[in-house]
């Protein structure tokens, strides 16, 4: 079946993308405005795109044309944010922060979450999250009047102590993080507990096989 994206509406393209690009990691983003008012919201148009410098990219859409949501507005204003990852243990709290509260409502408080100070940026990190990336805005790429890609440079990273296997060698016990991701339609998620190992094949090994 061919889907001609030029002939589809934005909502139809969205449905096709989220149904097939899966699972998608979740960026649980904490920002604050110039007055220090905190905001927390999850985004599943997110991933890591580079390591030198370390770059994360988040796709932020507005509630309506011209509205970049509180997250986008705060990042544009301050240039700083923290990306927290979501484990199954705090999935319900993440879901609460996805509610479209007014700007003056503290989503972290509504979800019963606590924060810890960041080391290099002003917004705090979520204490309950197993991984947090402190980020400085690298560039905002405005796709249209209500969709922005935020490229953030990671300046510091926090990993829960019991998930660090060897700090000197940067070995992390990924399965122990218990991360979840977004799947297809609204309300669907996936665990990362179903895994299989398939080592990469070297040229020499391939030649020996053939």
C-alpha atoms as a PDB file:
ATOM      1  CA  UNK A   1       0.000   0.000   0.000  1.00  0.00           C
ATOM      2  CA  UNK A   2       1.408   3.371  -1.059  1.00  0.00           C
ATOM      3  CA  UNK A   3       0.697   6.445   1.066  1.00  0.00           C
ATOM      4  CA  UNK A   4       1.377   9.700  -0.781  1.00  0.00           C
ATOM      5  CA  UNK A   5       2.259  12.123   2.019  1.00  0.00           C
ATOM      6  CA  UNK A   6       1.636  15.104  -0.239  1.00  0.00           C
ATOM      7  CA  UNK A   7      -2.009  14.016  -0.477  1.00  0.00           C
ATOM      8  CA  UNK A   8      -2.513  13.421   3.261  1.00  0.00           C
ATOM      9  CA  UNK A   9      -3.457  15.718   6.100  1.00  0.00           C
ATOM     10  CA  UNK A  10      -1.054  16.407   8.955  1.00  0.00           C
ATOM     11  CA  UNK A  11      -3.098  14.170  11.262  1.00  0.00           C
ATOM     12  CA  UNK A  12      -3.033  11.313   8.764  1.00  0.00           C
ATOM     13  CA  UNK A  13       0.748  11.614   8.374  1.00  0.00           C
ATOM     14  CA  UNK A  14       1.083  11.659  12.167  1.00  0.00           C
ATOM     15  CA  UNK A  15      -0.957   8.463  12.507  1.00  0.00           C
ATOM     16  CA  UNK A  16       1.176   6.645   9.949  1.00  0.00           C
ATOM     17  CA  UNK A  17       4.459   7.783  11.488  1.00  0.00           C
ATOM     18  CA  UNK A  18       3.641   6.883  15.087  1.00  0.00           C
ATOM     19  CA  UNK A  19       2.201   3.531  13.999  1.00  0.00           C
ATOM     20  CA  UNK A  20       5.438   2.518  12.297  1.00  0.00           C
ATOM     21  CA  UNK A  21       8.326   4.375  13.979  1.00  0.00           C
ATOM     22  CA  UNK A  22       8.286   2.318  17.150  1.00  0.00           C
ATOM     23  CA  UNK A  23       9.207   2.022  19.883  1.00  0.00           C
ATOM     24  CA  UNK A  24      10.006   5.676  20.475  1.00  0.00           C
ATOM     25  CA  UNK A  25      11.990   6.806  23.539  1.00  0.00           C
ATOM     26  CA  UNK A  26      10.341   9.419  25.725  1.00  0.00           C
ATOM     27  CA  UNK A  27      11.923  12.766  26.567  1.00  0.00           C
ATOM     28  CA  UNK A  28      10.478  13.883  29.892  1.00  0.00           C
ATOM     29  CA  UNK A  29      11.507  17.514  29.662  1.00  0.00           C
ATOM     30  CA  UNK A  30      11.859  19.900  32.591  1.00  0.00           C
ATOM     31  CA  UNK A  31      12.183  23.605  31.839  1.00  0.00           C
ATOM     32  CA  UNK A  32      11.670  26.855  33.691  1.00  0.00           C
ATOM     33  CA  UNK A  33      10.805  30.330  32.522  1.00  0.00           C
ATOM     34  CA  UNK A  34      12.736  33.504  33.275  1.00  0.00           C
ATOM     35  CA  UNK A  35      10.839  33.834  36.556  1.00  0.00           C
ATOM     36  CA  UNK A  36      11.768  30.337  37.677  1.00  0.00           C
ATOM     37  CA  UNK A  37       8.336  28.753  37.124  1.00  0.00           C
ATOM     38  CA  UNK A  38       8.866  25.053  36.371  1.00  0.00           C
ATOM     39  CA  UNK A  39       7.248  22.998  33.631  1.00  0.00           C
ATOM     40  CA  UNK A  40       7.455  19.261  32.920  1.00  0.00           C
ATOM     41  CA  UNK A  41       6.093  17.448  29.865  1.00  0.00           C
ATOM     42  CA  UNK A  42       6.820  14.237  27.915  1.00  0.00           C
ATOM     43  CA  UNK A  43       7.655  14.083  24.191  1.00  0.00           C
ATOM     44  CA  UNK A  44       8.068  10.971  22.057  1.00  0.00           C
ATOM     45  CA  UNK A  45       9.390  12.694  18.929  1.00  0.00           C
ATOM     46  CA  UNK A  46      12.857  12.400  20.453  1.00  0.00           C
ATOM     47  CA  UNK A  47      16.212  10.693  20.100  1.00  0.00           C
ATOM     48  CA  UNK A  48      20.001  11.044  20.311  1.00  0.00           C
ATOM     49  CA  UNK A  49      21.657  12.165  17.079  1.00  0.00           C
ATOM     50  CA  UNK A  50      25.344  12.800  17.764  1.00  0.00           C
ATOM     51  CA  UNK A  51      28.088  12.203  20.304  1.00  0.00           C
ATOM     52  CA  UNK A  52      30.664  14.894  19.476  1.00  0.00           C
ATOM     53  CA  UNK A  53      29.119  17.129  20.598  1.00  0.00           C
ATOM     54  CA  UNK A  54      26.467  15.012  22.268  1.00  0.00           C
ATOM     55  CA  UNK A  55      23.162  16.132  20.746  1.00  0.00           C
ATOM     56  CA  UNK A  56      19.566  15.254  21.601  1.00  0.00           C
ATOM     57  CA  UNK A  57      16.680  16.339  19.380  1.00  0.00           C
ATOM     58  CA  UNK A  58      13.100  16.904  20.526  1.00  0.00           C
ATOM     59  CA  UNK A  59      10.130  17.648  18.283  1.00  0.00           C
ATOM     60  CA  UNK A  60       7.770  20.054  20.058  1.00  0.00           C
ATOM     61  CA  UNK A  61       4.324  20.769  18.686  1.00  0.00           C
ATOM     62  CA  UNK A  62       1.909  23.467  19.759  1.00  0.00           C
ATOM     63  CA  UNK A  63      -1.593  23.124  21.113  1.00  0.00           C
ATOM     64  CA  UNK A  64      -2.704  25.425  18.335  1.00  0.00           C
ATOM     65  CA  UNK A  65      -0.980  27.367  15.510  1.00  0.00           C
ATOM     66  CA  UNK A  66       1.529  29.836  16.899  1.00  0.00           C
ATOM     67  CA  UNK A  67       1.640  28.202  20.336  1.00  0.00           C
ATOM     68  CA  UNK A  68       4.904  26.366  21.023  1.00  0.00           C
ATOM     69  CA  UNK A  69       3.706  24.932  24.341  1.00  0.00           C
ATOM     70  CA  UNK A  70       5.353  25.913  27.610  1.00  0.00           C
ATOM     71  CA  UNK A  71       8.365  23.668  26.987  1.00  0.00           C
ATOM     72  CA  UNK A  72       9.217  25.262  23.661  1.00  0.00           C
ATOM     73  CA  UNK A  73       8.607  28.781  24.923  1.00  0.00           C
ATOM     74  CA  UNK A  74      10.801  28.234  27.982  1.00  0.00           C
ATOM     75  CA  UNK A  75      13.664  26.747  25.970  1.00  0.00           C
ATOM     76  CA  UNK A  76      13.466  29.600  23.483  1.00  0.00           C
ATOM     77  CA  UNK A  77      13.551  32.088  26.370  1.00  0.00           C
ATOM     78  CA  UNK A  78      16.253  30.530  28.578  1.00  0.00           C
ATOM     79  CA  UNK A  79      18.183  28.151  26.324  1.00  0.00           C
ATOM     80  CA  UNK A  80      18.285  25.397  28.944  1.00  0.00           C
ATOM     81  CA  UNK A  81      16.374  22.197  29.711  1.00  0.00           C
ATOM     82  CA  UNK A  82      16.733  18.747  31.258  1.00  0.00           C
ATOM     83  CA  UNK A  83      15.680  15.565  29.477  1.00  0.00           C
ATOM     84  CA  UNK A  84      14.690  12.811  31.905  1.00  0.00           C
ATOM     85  CA  UNK A  85      14.016   9.247  30.781  1.00  0.00           C
ATOM     86  CA  UNK A  86      10.944   7.333  31.872  1.00  0.00           C
ATOM     87  CA  UNK A  87      10.982   3.970  33.639  1.00  0.00           C
ATOM     88  CA  UNK A  88       7.995   1.732  34.203  1.00  0.00           C
ATOM     89  CA  UNK A  89       8.101   2.722  37.878  1.00  0.00           C
ATOM     90  CA  UNK A  90       7.251   6.354  37.078  1.00  0.00           C
ATOM     91  CA  UNK A  91       5.112   5.872  33.971  1.00  0.00           C
ATOM     92  CA  UNK A  92       1.918   6.932  35.735  1.00  0.00           C
ATOM     93  CA  UNK A  93       3.533  10.138  36.985  1.00  0.00           C
ATOM     94  CA  UNK A  94       4.816  10.882  33.494  1.00  0.00           C
ATOM     95  CA  UNK A  95       1.297  10.466  32.180  1.00  0.00           C
ATOM     96  CA  UNK A  96      -0.004  13.036  34.677  1.00  0.00           C
ATOM     97  CA  UNK A  97       2.532  15.588  33.440  1.00  0.00           C
ATOM     98  CA  UNK A  98       1.183  15.144  29.891  1.00  0.00           C
ATOM     99  CA  UNK A  99      -2.110  16.777  30.923  1.00  0.00           C
ATOM    100  CA  UNK A 100      -2.576  20.184  29.263  1.00  0.00           C
ATOM    101  CA  UNK A 101      -2.498  22.166  32.483  1.00  0.00           C
ATOM    102  CA  UNK A 102      -2.460  25.997  32.359  1.00  0.00           C
ATOM    103  CA  UNK A 103       1.025  27.579  32.452  1.00  0.00           C
ATOM    104  CA  UNK A 104       0.736  28.471  36.141  1.00  0.00           C
ATOM    105  CA  UNK A 105       0.208  24.838  37.240  1.00  0.00           C
ATOM    106  CA  UNK A 106       3.247  22.909  38.498  1.00  0.00           C
ATOM    107  CA  UNK A 107       3.028  19.533  36.732  1.00  0.00           C
ATOM    108  CA  UNK A 108       5.755  18.095  38.958  1.00  0.00           C
ATOM    109  CA  UNK A 109       3.737  18.854  42.072  1.00  0.00           C
ATOM    110  CA  UNK A 110       0.529  17.516  40.524  1.00  0.00           C
ATOM    111  CA  UNK A 111       2.301  14.222  39.787  1.00  0.00           C
ATOM    112  CA  UNK A 112       3.866  14.005  43.258  1.00  0.00           C
ATOM    113  CA  UNK A 113       7.395  14.190  41.851  1.00  0.00           C
ATOM    114  CA  UNK A 114      10.481  15.577  43.513  1.00  0.00           C
ATOM    115  CA  UNK A 115      13.411  17.408  41.969  1.00  0.00           C
ATOM    116  CA  UNK A 116      17.153  17.523  42.428  1.00  0.00           C
ATOM    117  CA  UNK A 117      19.432  20.433  41.462  1.00  0.00           C
ATOM    118  CA  UNK A 118      21.235  20.239  38.147  1.00  0.00           C
ATOM    119  CA  UNK A 119      24.961  20.926  37.999  1.00  0.00           C
ATOM    120  CA  UNK A 120      25.330  23.068  34.852  1.00  0.00           C
ATOM    121  CA  UNK A 121      21.850  24.341  33.992  1.00  0.00           C
ATOM    122  CA  UNK A 122      19.152  26.074  36.016  1.00  0.00           C
ATOM    123  CA  UNK A 123      16.193  23.687  35.502  1.00  0.00           C
ATOM    124  CA  UNK A 124      16.275  20.802  37.989  1.00  0.00           C
ATOM    125  CA  UNK A 125      16.064  17.113  37.138  1.00  0.00           C
ATOM    126  CA  UNK A 126      13.376  14.657  38.202  1.00  0.00           C
ATOM    127  CA  UNK A 127      14.657  12.648  41.160  1.00  0.00           C
ATOM    128  CA  UNK A 128      12.524   9.621  40.292  1.00  0.00           C
ATOM    129  CA  UNK A 129      13.959   9.338  36.784  1.00  0.00           C
ATOM    130  CA  UNK A 130      16.823   6.824  36.312  1.00  0.00           C
ATOM    131  CA  UNK A 131      18.576   9.004  33.710  1.00  0.00           C
ATOM    132  CA  UNK A 132      18.713  12.757  33.209  1.00  0.00           C
ATOM    133  CA  UNK A 133      20.557  14.852  30.620  1.00  0.00           C
ATOM    134  CA  UNK A 134      21.320  18.490  31.338  1.00  0.00           C
ATOM    135  CA  UNK A 135      21.088  20.336  28.024  1.00  0.00           C
ATOM    136  CA  UNK A 136      21.824  23.714  26.508  1.00  0.00           C
ATOM    137  CA  UNK A 137      19.995  24.708  23.349  1.00  0.00           C
ATOM    138  CA  UNK A 138      22.153  24.323  20.270  1.00  0.00           C
ATOM    139  CA  UNK A 139      19.583  25.517  17.754  1.00  0.00           C
ATOM    140  CA  UNK A 140      15.824  25.788  17.240  1.00  0.00           C
ATOM    141  CA  UNK A 141      14.603  24.665  13.841  1.00  0.00           C
ATOM    142  CA  UNK A 142      11.085  25.926  13.135  1.00  0.00           C
ATOM    143  CA  UNK A 143       9.366  23.453  10.797  1.00  0.00           C
ATOM    144  CA  UNK A 144       6.099  25.389  10.586  1.00  0.00           C
ATOM    145  CA  UNK A 145       4.068  27.755  12.742  1.00  0.00           C
ATOM    146  CA  UNK A 146       3.394  25.149  15.433  1.00  0.00           C
ATOM    147  CA  UNK A 147       6.239  22.624  15.197  1.00  0.00           C
ATOM    148  CA  UNK A 148       9.829  23.161  16.326  1.00  0.00           C
ATOM    149  CA  UNK A 149      12.829  20.865  16.493  1.00  0.00           C
ATOM    150  CA  UNK A 150      15.038  21.659  19.475  1.00  0.00           C
ATOM    151  CA  UNK A 151      18.641  20.485  19.203  1.00  0.00           C
ATOM    152  CA  UNK A 152      20.211  20.350  22.645  1.00  0.00           C
ATOM    153  CA  UNK A 153      23.861  19.837  23.543  1.00  0.00           C
ATOM    154  CA  UNK A 154      24.250  17.513  26.520  1.00  0.00           C
ATOM    155  CA  UNK A 155      26.537  19.146  29.082  1.00  0.00           C
ATOM    156  CA  UNK A 156      26.040  16.665  31.940  1.00  0.00           C
ATOM    157  CA  UNK A 157      24.335  13.329  32.539  1.00  0.00           C
ATOM    158  CA  UNK A 158      23.015  11.684  35.696  1.00  0.00           C
ATOM    159  CA  UNK A 159      22.460   7.927  36.005  1.00  0.00           C
ATOM    160  CA  UNK A 160      21.004   6.230  39.067  1.00  0.00           C
ATOM    161  CA  UNK A 161      23.898   4.767  41.057  1.00  0.00           C
ATOM    162  CA  UNK A 162      22.674   1.166  41.084  1.00  0.00           C
ATOM    163  CA  UNK A 163      22.496   1.199  37.272  1.00  0.00           C
ATOM    164  CA  UNK A 164      26.173   2.121  36.818  1.00  0.00           C
ATOM    165  CA  UNK A 165      28.256  -1.003  36.315  1.00  0.00           C
ATOM    166  CA  UNK A 166      31.640   0.672  35.829  1.00  0.00           C
ATOM    167  CA  UNK A 167      31.862   4.462  35.989  1.00  0.00           C
ATOM    168  CA  UNK A 168      35.449   4.653  34.718  1.00  0.00           C
ATOM    169  CA  UNK A 169      34.583   2.693  31.574  1.00  0.00           C
ATOM    170  CA  UNK A 170      31.108   4.277  31.244  1.00  0.00           C
ATOM    171  CA  UNK A 171      29.342   0.913  31.440  1.00  0.00           C
ATOM    172  CA  UNK A 172      25.648   1.253  32.233  1.00  0.00           C
ATOM    173  CA  UNK A 173      23.293  -1.602  33.135  1.00  0.00           C
ATOM    174  CA  UNK A 174      20.685  -0.634  30.552  1.00  0.00           C
ATOM    175  CA  UNK A 175      18.147  -3.380  31.370  1.00  0.00           C
ATOM    176  CA  UNK A 176      18.159  -2.299  35.033  1.00  0.00           C
ATOM    177  CA  UNK A 177      16.981   1.181  34.024  1.00  0.00           C
ATOM    178  CA  UNK A 178      13.569  -0.333  33.241  1.00  0.00           C
ATOM    179  CA  UNK A 179      12.856   2.197  30.517  1.00  0.00           C
ATOM    180  CA  UNK A 180       9.631   2.330  28.545  1.00  0.00           C
ATOM    181  CA  UNK A 181       8.830   3.744  25.112  1.00  0.00           C
ATOM    182  CA  UNK A 182       5.827   4.892  23.113  1.00  0.00           C
ATOM    183  CA  UNK A 183       4.198   2.531  20.675  1.00  0.00           C
ATOM    184  CA  UNK A 184       1.394   3.145  18.177  1.00  0.00           C
ATOM    185  CA  UNK A 185      -1.915   4.864  19.044  1.00  0.00           C
ATOM    186  CA  UNK A 186      -2.734   7.073  21.977  1.00  0.00           C
ATOM    187  CA  UNK A 187      -2.120   5.498  25.363  1.00  0.00           C
ATOM    188  CA  UNK A 188       0.101   2.641  24.155  1.00  0.00           C
ATOM    189  CA  UNK A 189       3.567   1.997  25.581  1.00  0.00           C
ATOM    190  CA  UNK A 190       6.151  -0.770  25.533  1.00  0.00           C
ATOM    191  CA  UNK A 191       8.645  -2.195  28.003  1.00  0.00           C
ATOM    192  CA  UNK A 192      12.283  -2.890  27.142  1.00  0.00           C
ATOM    193  CA  UNK A 193      12.365  -6.299  28.800  1.00  0.00           C
ATOM    194  CA  UNK A 194      11.973  -8.383  25.616  1.00  0.00           C
ATOM    195  CA  UNK A 195      15.447  -8.387  24.066  1.00  0.00           C
ATOM    196  CA  UNK A 196      17.673 -10.544  21.877  1.00  0.00           C
ATOM    197  CA  UNK A 197      21.381 -10.354  21.129  1.00  0.00           C
ATOM    198  CA  UNK A 198      22.816 -10.368  17.599  1.00  0.00           C
ATOM    199  CA  UNK A 199      26.553  -9.553  17.445  1.00  0.00           C
ATOM    200  CA  UNK A 200      27.767  -7.455  14.524  1.00  0.00           C
ATOM    201  CA  UNK A 201      29.551  -9.472  11.815  1.00  0.00           C
ATOM    202  CA  UNK A 202      33.079  -8.452  10.863  1.00  0.00           C
ATOM    203  CA  UNK A 203      34.311  -8.648   7.268  1.00  0.00           C
ATOM    204  CA  UNK A 204      36.741 -11.433   8.243  1.00  0.00           C
ATOM    205  CA  UNK A 205      33.972 -13.505   9.857  1.00  0.00           C
ATOM    206  CA  UNK A 206      31.738 -13.007   6.818  1.00  0.00           C
ATOM    207  CA  UNK A 207      34.452 -14.180   4.455  1.00  0.00           C
ATOM    208  CA  UNK A 208      35.003 -17.288   6.584  1.00  0.00           C
ATOM    209  CA  UNK A 209      31.280 -18.055   6.386  1.00  0.00           C
ATOM    210  CA  UNK A 210      31.175 -17.753   2.619  1.00  0.00           C
END
